[in-house]
């Protein structure tokens, strides 16, 4: 059951409306539907996804830095 719960958590996180995730693409599809089918330019959508990906990668680097720092100082990563 723990595996199923983790898969459900991953699915929910992936569907959040964050650019660069599937939920980000879904957000653009819904936005286009609300706008009456008027398409958003691929360049603009690509820029939004690139910005979201850069933010996610920055967050991962930030968290990893502090995890490694805590590991070298003798602490646990699981705090």
PDB file of N, CA and C in Angstrom:
ATOM      1  N   UNK A   1       0.814  -1.202   0.000  1.00  0.00           N
ATOM      2  CA  UNK A   1       0.000   0.000   0.000  1.00  0.00           C
ATOM      3  C   UNK A   1       0.860   1.270   0.000  1.00  0.00           C
ATOM      4  N   UNK A   2       2.060   1.191   0.583  1.00  0.00           N
ATOM      5  CA  UNK A   2       2.930   2.373   0.607  1.00  0.00           C
ATOM      6  C   UNK A   2       3.342   2.757  -0.804  1.00  0.00           C
ATOM      7  N   UNK A   3       3.542   1.763  -1.672  1.00  0.00           N
ATOM      8  CA  UNK A   3       3.926   2.049  -3.053  1.00  0.00           C
ATOM      9  C   UNK A   3       2.798   2.744  -3.788  1.00  0.00           C
ATOM     10  N   UNK A   4       1.581   2.306  -3.560  1.00  0.00           N
ATOM     11  CA  UNK A   4       0.424   2.926  -4.208  1.00  0.00           C
ATOM     12  C   UNK A   4       0.272   4.368  -3.743  1.00  0.00           C
ATOM     13  N   UNK A   5       0.458   4.596  -2.461  1.00  0.00           N
ATOM     14  CA  UNK A   5       0.352   5.959  -1.925  1.00  0.00           C
ATOM     15  C   UNK A   5       1.407   6.855  -2.544  1.00  0.00           C
ATOM     16  N   UNK A   6       2.638   6.354  -2.674  1.00  0.00           N
ATOM     17  CA  UNK A   6       3.713   7.160  -3.280  1.00  0.00           C
ATOM     18  C   UNK A   6       3.408   7.463  -4.743  1.00  0.00           C
ATOM     19  N   UNK A   7       2.847   6.491  -5.460  1.00  0.00           N
ATOM     20  CA  UNK A   7       2.489   6.737  -6.854  1.00  0.00           C
ATOM     21  C   UNK A   7       1.384   7.784  -6.967  1.00  0.00           C
ATOM     22  N   UNK A   8       0.416   7.727  -6.067  1.00  0.00           N
ATOM     23  CA  UNK A   8      -0.647   8.728  -6.072  1.00  0.00           C
ATOM     24  C   UNK A   8      -0.101  10.115  -5.729  1.00  0.00           C
ATOM     25  N   UNK A   9       0.825  10.178  -4.783  1.00  0.00           N
ATOM     26  CA  UNK A   9       1.442  11.458  -4.444  1.00  0.00           C
ATOM     27  C   UNK A   9       2.195  12.029  -5.640  1.00  0.00           C
ATOM     28  N   UNK A  10       2.925  11.187  -6.344  1.00  0.00           N
ATOM     29  CA  UNK A  10       3.659  11.621  -7.525  1.00  0.00           C
ATOM     30  C   UNK A  10       2.706  12.112  -8.610  1.00  0.00           C
ATOM     31  N   UNK A  11       1.618  11.392  -8.810  1.00  0.00           N
ATOM     32  CA  UNK A  11       0.635  11.795  -9.815  1.00  0.00           C
ATOM     33  C   UNK A  11       0.015  13.143  -9.471  1.00  0.00           C
ATOM     34  N   UNK A  12      -0.307  13.355  -8.216  1.00  0.00           N
ATOM     35  CA  UNK A  12      -0.901  14.630  -7.792  1.00  0.00           C
ATOM     36  C   UNK A  12       0.099  15.768  -7.962  1.00  0.00           C
ATOM     37  N   UNK A  13       1.346  15.536  -7.546  1.00  0.00           N
ATOM     38  CA  UNK A  13       2.376  16.584  -7.692  1.00  0.00           C
ATOM     39  C   UNK A  13       2.610  16.924  -9.161  1.00  0.00           C
ATOM     40  N   UNK A  14       2.591  15.922 -10.022  1.00  0.00           N
ATOM     41  CA  UNK A  14       2.835  16.146 -11.445  1.00  0.00           C
ATOM     42  C   UNK A  14       1.703  16.942 -12.086  1.00  0.00           C
ATOM     43  N   UNK A  15       0.507  16.869 -11.535  1.00  0.00           N
ATOM     44  CA  UNK A  15      -0.628  17.577 -12.121  1.00  0.00           C
ATOM     45  C   UNK A  15      -0.831  18.979 -11.554  1.00  0.00           C
ATOM     46  N   UNK A  16       0.048  19.412 -10.659  1.00  0.00           N
ATOM     47  CA  UNK A  16      -0.041  20.784 -10.174  1.00  0.00           C
ATOM     48  C   UNK A  16       0.232  21.740 -11.337  1.00  0.00           C
ATOM     49  N   UNK A  17      -0.431  22.889 -11.351  1.00  0.00           N
ATOM     50  CA  UNK A  17      -0.257  23.810 -12.483  1.00  0.00           C
ATOM     51  C   UNK A  17       1.067  24.573 -12.428  1.00  0.00           C
ATOM     52  N   UNK A  18       2.162  23.832 -12.411  1.00  0.00           N
ATOM     53  CA  UNK A  18       3.491  24.415 -12.399  1.00  0.00           C
ATOM     54  C   UNK A  18       4.067  24.235 -13.798  1.00  0.00           C
ATOM     55  N   UNK A  19       4.548  25.313 -14.412  1.00  0.00           N
ATOM     56  CA  UNK A  19       5.153  25.154 -15.737  1.00  0.00           C
ATOM     57  C   UNK A  19       6.265  24.105 -15.690  1.00  0.00           C
ATOM     58  N   UNK A  20       6.440  23.393 -16.763  1.00  0.00           N
ATOM     59  CA  UNK A  20       7.410  22.316 -16.941  1.00  0.00           C
ATOM     60  C   UNK A  20       6.895  20.990 -16.402  1.00  0.00           C
ATOM     61  N   UNK A  21       5.743  20.955 -15.766  1.00  0.00           N
ATOM     62  CA  UNK A  21       5.108  19.705 -15.364  1.00  0.00           C
ATOM     63  C   UNK A  21       3.867  19.502 -16.236  1.00  0.00           C
ATOM     64  N   UNK A  22       3.276  18.314 -16.177  1.00  0.00           N
ATOM     65  CA  UNK A  22       2.092  18.043 -16.982  1.00  0.00           C
ATOM     66  C   UNK A  22       0.944  18.977 -16.627  1.00  0.00           C
ATOM     67  N   UNK A  23       0.854  19.343 -15.364  1.00  0.00           N
ATOM     68  CA  UNK A  23      -0.200  20.274 -14.949  1.00  0.00           C
ATOM     69  C   UNK A  23      -0.022  21.649 -15.571  1.00  0.00           C
ATOM     70  N   UNK A  24       1.214  22.032 -15.848  1.00  0.00           N
ATOM     71  CA  UNK A  24       1.471  23.304 -16.533  1.00  0.00           C
ATOM     72  C   UNK A  24       0.924  23.291 -17.940  1.00  0.00           C
ATOM     73  N   UNK A  25       1.097  22.168 -18.630  1.00  0.00           N
ATOM     74  CA  UNK A  25       0.539  22.042 -19.984  1.00  0.00           C
ATOM     75  C   UNK A  25      -0.981  22.032 -19.924  1.00  0.00           C
ATOM     76  N   UNK A  26      -1.528  21.332 -18.941  1.00  0.00           N
ATOM     77  CA  UNK A  26      -2.976  21.302 -18.764  1.00  0.00           C
ATOM     78  C   UNK A  26      -3.512  22.707 -18.497  1.00  0.00           C
ATOM     79  N   UNK A  27      -2.753  23.500 -17.756  1.00  0.00           N
ATOM     80  CA  UNK A  27      -3.152  24.883 -17.477  1.00  0.00           C
ATOM     81  C   UNK A  27      -3.274  25.674 -18.784  1.00  0.00           C
ATOM     82  N   UNK A  28      -2.336  25.465 -19.727  1.00  0.00           N
ATOM     83  CA  UNK A  28      -2.407  26.172 -21.006  1.00  0.00           C
ATOM     84  C   UNK A  28      -3.591  25.697 -21.835  1.00  0.00           C
ATOM     85  N   UNK A  29      -3.893  24.420 -21.798  1.00  0.00           N
ATOM     86  CA  UNK A  29      -5.046  23.892 -22.537  1.00  0.00           C
ATOM     87  C   UNK A  29      -6.342  24.498 -22.000  1.00  0.00           C
ATOM     88  N   UNK A  30      -6.458  24.560 -20.672  1.00  0.00           N
ATOM     89  CA  UNK A  30      -7.652  25.154 -20.062  1.00  0.00           C
ATOM     90  C   UNK A  30      -7.731  26.647 -20.384  1.00  0.00           C
ATOM     91  N   UNK A  31      -6.598  27.336 -20.319  1.00  0.00           N
ATOM     92  CA  UNK A  31      -6.569  28.773 -20.628  1.00  0.00           C
ATOM     93  C   UNK A  31      -7.007  29.034 -22.068  1.00  0.00           C
ATOM     94  N   UNK A  32      -6.552  28.202 -22.992  1.00  0.00           N
ATOM     95  CA  UNK A  32      -6.971  28.354 -24.382  1.00  0.00           C
ATOM     96  C   UNK A  32      -8.468  28.097 -24.542  1.00  0.00           C
ATOM     97  N   UNK A  33      -9.010  27.136 -23.792  1.00  0.00           N
ATOM     98  CA  UNK A  33     -10.445  26.845 -23.861  1.00  0.00           C
ATOM     99  C   UNK A  33     -11.250  28.017 -23.312  1.00  0.00           C
ATOM    100  N   UNK A  34     -10.777  28.618 -22.222  1.00  0.00           N
ATOM    101  CA  UNK A  34     -11.466  29.771 -21.632  1.00  0.00           C
ATOM    102  C   UNK A  34     -11.430  30.967 -22.586  1.00  0.00           C
ATOM    103  N   UNK A  35     -10.341  31.096 -23.332  1.00  0.00           N
ATOM    104  CA  UNK A  35     -10.192  32.209 -24.276  1.00  0.00           C
ATOM    105  C   UNK A  35     -10.937  31.952 -25.580  1.00  0.00           C
ATOM    106  N   UNK A  36     -11.733  30.908 -25.630  1.00  0.00           N
ATOM    107  CA  UNK A  36     -12.524  30.625 -26.821  1.00  0.00           C
ATOM    108  C   UNK A  36     -11.731  29.968 -27.933  1.00  0.00           C
ATOM    109  N   UNK A  37     -10.723  29.216 -27.598  1.00  0.00           N
ATOM    110  CA  UNK A  37      -9.931  28.517 -28.599  1.00  0.00           C
ATOM    111  C   UNK A  37      -8.784  29.330 -29.155  1.00  0.00           C
ATOM    112  N   UNK A  38      -8.628  30.568 -28.683  1.00  0.00           N
ATOM    113  CA  UNK A  38      -7.519  31.406 -29.158  1.00  0.00           C
ATOM    114  C   UNK A  38      -6.203  30.846 -28.624  1.00  0.00           C
ATOM    115  N   UNK A  39      -5.322  30.483 -29.550  1.00  0.00           N
ATOM    116  CA  UNK A  39      -4.061  29.835 -29.190  1.00  0.00           C
ATOM    117  C   UNK A  39      -3.079  30.837 -28.581  1.00  0.00           C
ATOM    118  N   UNK A  40      -2.279  30.330 -27.658  1.00  0.00           N
ATOM    119  CA  UNK A  40      -1.175  31.091 -27.081  1.00  0.00           C
ATOM    120  C   UNK A  40       0.041  30.780 -27.941  1.00  0.00           C
ATOM    121  N   UNK A  41       0.842  31.774 -28.247  1.00  0.00           N
ATOM    122  CA  UNK A  41       1.979  31.550 -29.140  1.00  0.00           C
ATOM    123  C   UNK A  41       2.936  30.522 -28.532  1.00  0.00           C
ATOM    124  N   UNK A  42       3.456  29.631 -29.355  1.00  0.00           N
ATOM    125  CA  UNK A  42       4.387  28.615 -28.863  1.00  0.00           C
ATOM    126  C   UNK A  42       5.630  29.227 -28.205  1.00  0.00           C
ATOM    127  N   UNK A  43       6.065  30.389 -28.699  1.00  0.00           N
ATOM    128  CA  UNK A  43       7.230  31.043 -28.100  1.00  0.00           C
ATOM    129  C   UNK A  43       6.940  31.467 -26.667  1.00  0.00           C
ATOM    130  N   UNK A  44       5.761  32.032 -26.438  1.00  0.00           N
ATOM    131  CA  UNK A  44       5.381  32.478 -25.099  1.00  0.00           C
ATOM    132  C   UNK A  44       5.198  31.285 -24.159  1.00  0.00           C
ATOM    133  N   UNK A  45       4.541  30.243 -24.652  1.00  0.00           N
ATOM    134  CA  UNK A  45       4.351  29.050 -23.830  1.00  0.00           C
ATOM    135  C   UNK A  45       5.704  28.408 -23.502  1.00  0.00           C
ATOM    136  N   UNK A  46       6.585  28.355 -24.487  1.00  0.00           N
ATOM    137  CA  UNK A  46       7.916  27.807 -24.258  1.00  0.00           C
ATOM    138  C   UNK A  46       8.696  28.602 -23.226  1.00  0.00           C
ATOM    139  N   UNK A  47       8.553  29.919 -23.265  1.00  0.00           N
ATOM    140  CA  UNK A  47       9.233  30.778 -22.304  1.00  0.00           C
ATOM    141  C   UNK A  47       8.708  30.542 -20.889  1.00  0.00           C
ATOM    142  N   UNK A  48       7.413  30.369 -20.759  1.00  0.00           N
ATOM    143  CA  UNK A  48       6.815  30.095 -19.449  1.00  0.00           C
ATOM    144  C   UNK A  48       7.308  28.750 -18.921  1.00  0.00           C
ATOM    145  N   UNK A  49       7.351  27.739 -19.792  1.00  0.00           N
ATOM    146  CA  UNK A  49       7.835  26.421 -19.363  1.00  0.00           C
ATOM    147  C   UNK A  49       9.325  26.465 -19.009  1.00  0.00           C
ATOM    148  N   UNK A  50      10.104  27.214 -19.779  1.00  0.00           N
ATOM    149  CA  UNK A  50      11.533  27.347 -19.479  1.00  0.00           C
ATOM    150  C   UNK A  50      11.742  28.017 -18.129  1.00  0.00           C
ATOM    151  N   UNK A  51      10.987  29.068 -17.859  1.00  0.00           N
ATOM    152  CA  UNK A  51      11.089  29.763 -16.576  1.00  0.00           C
ATOM    153  C   UNK A  51      10.706  28.834 -15.435  1.00  0.00           C
ATOM    154  N   UNK A  52       9.634  28.081 -15.609  1.00  0.00           N
ATOM    155  CA  UNK A  52       9.220  27.121 -14.576  1.00  0.00           C
ATOM    156  C   UNK A  52      10.260  26.050 -14.341  1.00  0.00           C
ATOM    157  N   UNK A  53      10.868  25.557 -15.422  1.00  0.00           N
ATOM    158  CA  UNK A  53      11.901  24.533 -15.283  1.00  0.00           C
ATOM    159  C   UNK A  53      13.118  25.102 -14.557  1.00  0.00           C
ATOM    160  N   UNK A  54      13.515  26.322 -14.886  1.00  0.00           N
ATOM    161  CA  UNK A  54      14.648  26.948 -14.204  1.00  0.00           C
ATOM    162  C   UNK A  54      14.363  27.142 -12.720  1.00  0.00           C
ATOM    163  N   UNK A  55      13.142  27.521 -12.390  1.00  0.00           N
ATOM    164  CA  UNK A  55      12.777  27.674 -10.983  1.00  0.00           C
ATOM    165  C   UNK A  55      12.807  26.332 -10.250  1.00  0.00           C
ATOM    166  N   UNK A  56      12.293  25.282 -10.882  1.00  0.00           N
ATOM    167  CA  UNK A  56      12.325  23.951 -10.259  1.00  0.00           C
ATOM    168  C   UNK A  56      13.759  23.463 -10.066  1.00  0.00           C
ATOM    169  N   UNK A  57      14.610  23.652 -11.074  1.00  0.00           N
ATOM    170  CA  UNK A  57      16.005  23.230 -10.956  1.00  0.00           C
ATOM    171  C   UNK A  57      16.741  24.036  -9.886  1.00  0.00           C
ATOM    172  N   UNK A  58      16.436  25.333  -9.797  1.00  0.00           N
ATOM    173  CA  UNK A  58      17.044  26.162  -8.755  1.00  0.00           C
ATOM    174  C   UNK A  58      16.630  25.691  -7.368  1.00  0.00           C
ATOM    175  N   UNK A  59      15.361  25.370  -7.211  1.00  0.00           N
ATOM    176  CA  UNK A  59      14.881  24.867  -5.930  1.00  0.00           C
ATOM    177  C   UNK A  59      15.565  23.547  -5.578  1.00  0.00           C
ATOM    178  N   UNK A  60      15.726  22.662  -6.563  1.00  0.00           N
ATOM    179  CA  UNK A  60      16.399  21.386  -6.320  1.00  0.00           C
ATOM    180  C   UNK A  60      17.853  21.607  -5.916  1.00  0.00           C
ATOM    181  N   UNK A  61      18.542  22.524  -6.577  1.00  0.00           N
ATOM    182  CA  UNK A  61      19.940  22.805  -6.236  1.00  0.00           C
ATOM    183  C   UNK A  61      20.037  23.393  -4.835  1.00  0.00           C
ATOM    184  N   UNK A  62      19.127  24.292  -4.492  1.00  0.00           N
ATOM    185  CA  UNK A  62      19.104  24.931  -3.173  1.00  0.00           C
ATOM    186  C   UNK A  62      18.919  23.889  -2.074  1.00  0.00           C
ATOM    187  N   UNK A  63      17.952  23.011  -2.252  1.00  0.00           N
ATOM    188  CA  UNK A  63      17.675  21.972  -1.258  1.00  0.00           C
ATOM    189  C   UNK A  63      18.840  20.988  -1.181  1.00  0.00           C
ATOM    190  N   UNK A  64      19.386  20.595  -2.335  1.00  0.00           N
ATOM    191  CA  UNK A  64      20.516  19.662  -2.345  1.00  0.00           C
ATOM    192  C   UNK A  64      21.730  20.244  -1.647  1.00  0.00           C
ATOM    193  N   UNK A  65      21.995  21.529  -1.840  1.00  0.00           N
ATOM    194  CA  UNK A  65      23.131  22.175  -1.191  1.00  0.00           C
ATOM    195  C   UNK A  65      23.026  22.039   0.319  1.00  0.00           C
ATOM    196  N   UNK A  66      21.872  22.338   0.866  1.00  0.00           N
ATOM    197  CA  UNK A  66      21.707  22.255   2.311  1.00  0.00           C
ATOM    198  C   UNK A  66      21.702  20.814   2.813  1.00  0.00           C
ATOM    199  N   UNK A  67      21.214  19.873   1.998  1.00  0.00           N
ATOM    200  CA  UNK A  67      21.295  18.464   2.379  1.00  0.00           C
ATOM    201  C   UNK A  67      22.745  18.004   2.467  1.00  0.00           C
ATOM    202  N   UNK A  68      23.552  18.364   1.477  1.00  0.00           N
ATOM    203  CA  UNK A  68      24.968  17.984   1.483  1.00  0.00           C
ATOM    204  C   UNK A  68      25.693  18.676   2.628  1.00  0.00           C
ATOM    205  N   UNK A  69      25.384  19.939   2.866  1.00  0.00           N
ATOM    206  CA  UNK A  69      26.007  20.673   3.973  1.00  0.00           C
ATOM    207  C   UNK A  69      25.672  19.999   5.311  1.00  0.00           C
ATOM    208  N   UNK A  70      24.434  19.598   5.496  1.00  0.00           N
ATOM    209  CA  UNK A  70      24.027  18.927   6.729  1.00  0.00           C
ATOM    210  C   UNK A  70      24.716  17.572   6.859  1.00  0.00           C
ATOM    211  N   UNK A  71      24.881  16.860   5.739  1.00  0.00           N
ATOM    212  CA  UNK A  71      25.541  15.561   5.750  1.00  0.00           C
ATOM    213  C   UNK A  71      27.006  15.701   6.179  1.00  0.00           C
ATOM    214  N   UNK A  72      27.701  16.715   5.644  1.00  0.00           N
ATOM    215  CA  UNK A  72      29.111  16.907   6.002  1.00  0.00           C
ATOM    216  C   UNK A  72      29.291  17.414   7.424  1.00  0.00           C
ATOM    217  N   UNK A  73      28.286  18.048   7.979  1.00  0.00           N
ATOM    218  CA  UNK A  73      28.404  18.531   9.348  1.00  0.00           C
ATOM    219  C   UNK A  73      28.027  17.449  10.363  1.00  0.00           C
ATOM    220  N   UNK A  74      27.720  16.248   9.886  1.00  0.00           N
ATOM    221  CA  UNK A  74      27.421  15.136  10.785  1.00  0.00           C
ATOM    222  C   UNK A  74      25.955  14.935  11.062  1.00  0.00           C
ATOM    223  N   UNK A  75      25.107  15.723  10.450  1.00  0.00           N
ATOM    224  CA  UNK A  75      23.677  15.579  10.674  1.00  0.00           C
ATOM    225  C   UNK A  75      23.056  14.537   9.766  1.00  0.00           C
ATOM    226  N   UNK A  76      21.790  14.367   9.899  1.00  0.00           N
ATOM    227  CA  UNK A  76      21.049  13.412   9.075  1.00  0.00           C
ATOM    228  C   UNK A  76      20.372  14.147   7.928  1.00  0.00           C
ATOM    229  N   UNK A  77      20.287  13.513   6.792  1.00  0.00           N
ATOM    230  CA  UNK A  77      19.583  14.105   5.644  1.00  0.00           C
ATOM    231  C   UNK A  77      18.083  14.088   5.885  1.00  0.00           C
ATOM    232  N   UNK A  78      17.615  13.183   6.701  1.00  0.00           N
ATOM    233  CA  UNK A  78      16.186  12.969   6.899  1.00  0.00           C
ATOM    234  C   UNK A  78      15.550  13.854   7.962  1.00  0.00           C
ATOM    235  N   UNK A  79      16.121  14.972   8.250  1.00  0.00           N
ATOM    236  CA  UNK A  79      15.532  15.865   9.273  1.00  0.00           C
ATOM    237  C   UNK A  79      14.417  16.668   8.676  1.00  0.00           C
TER     238      UNK A  79
END
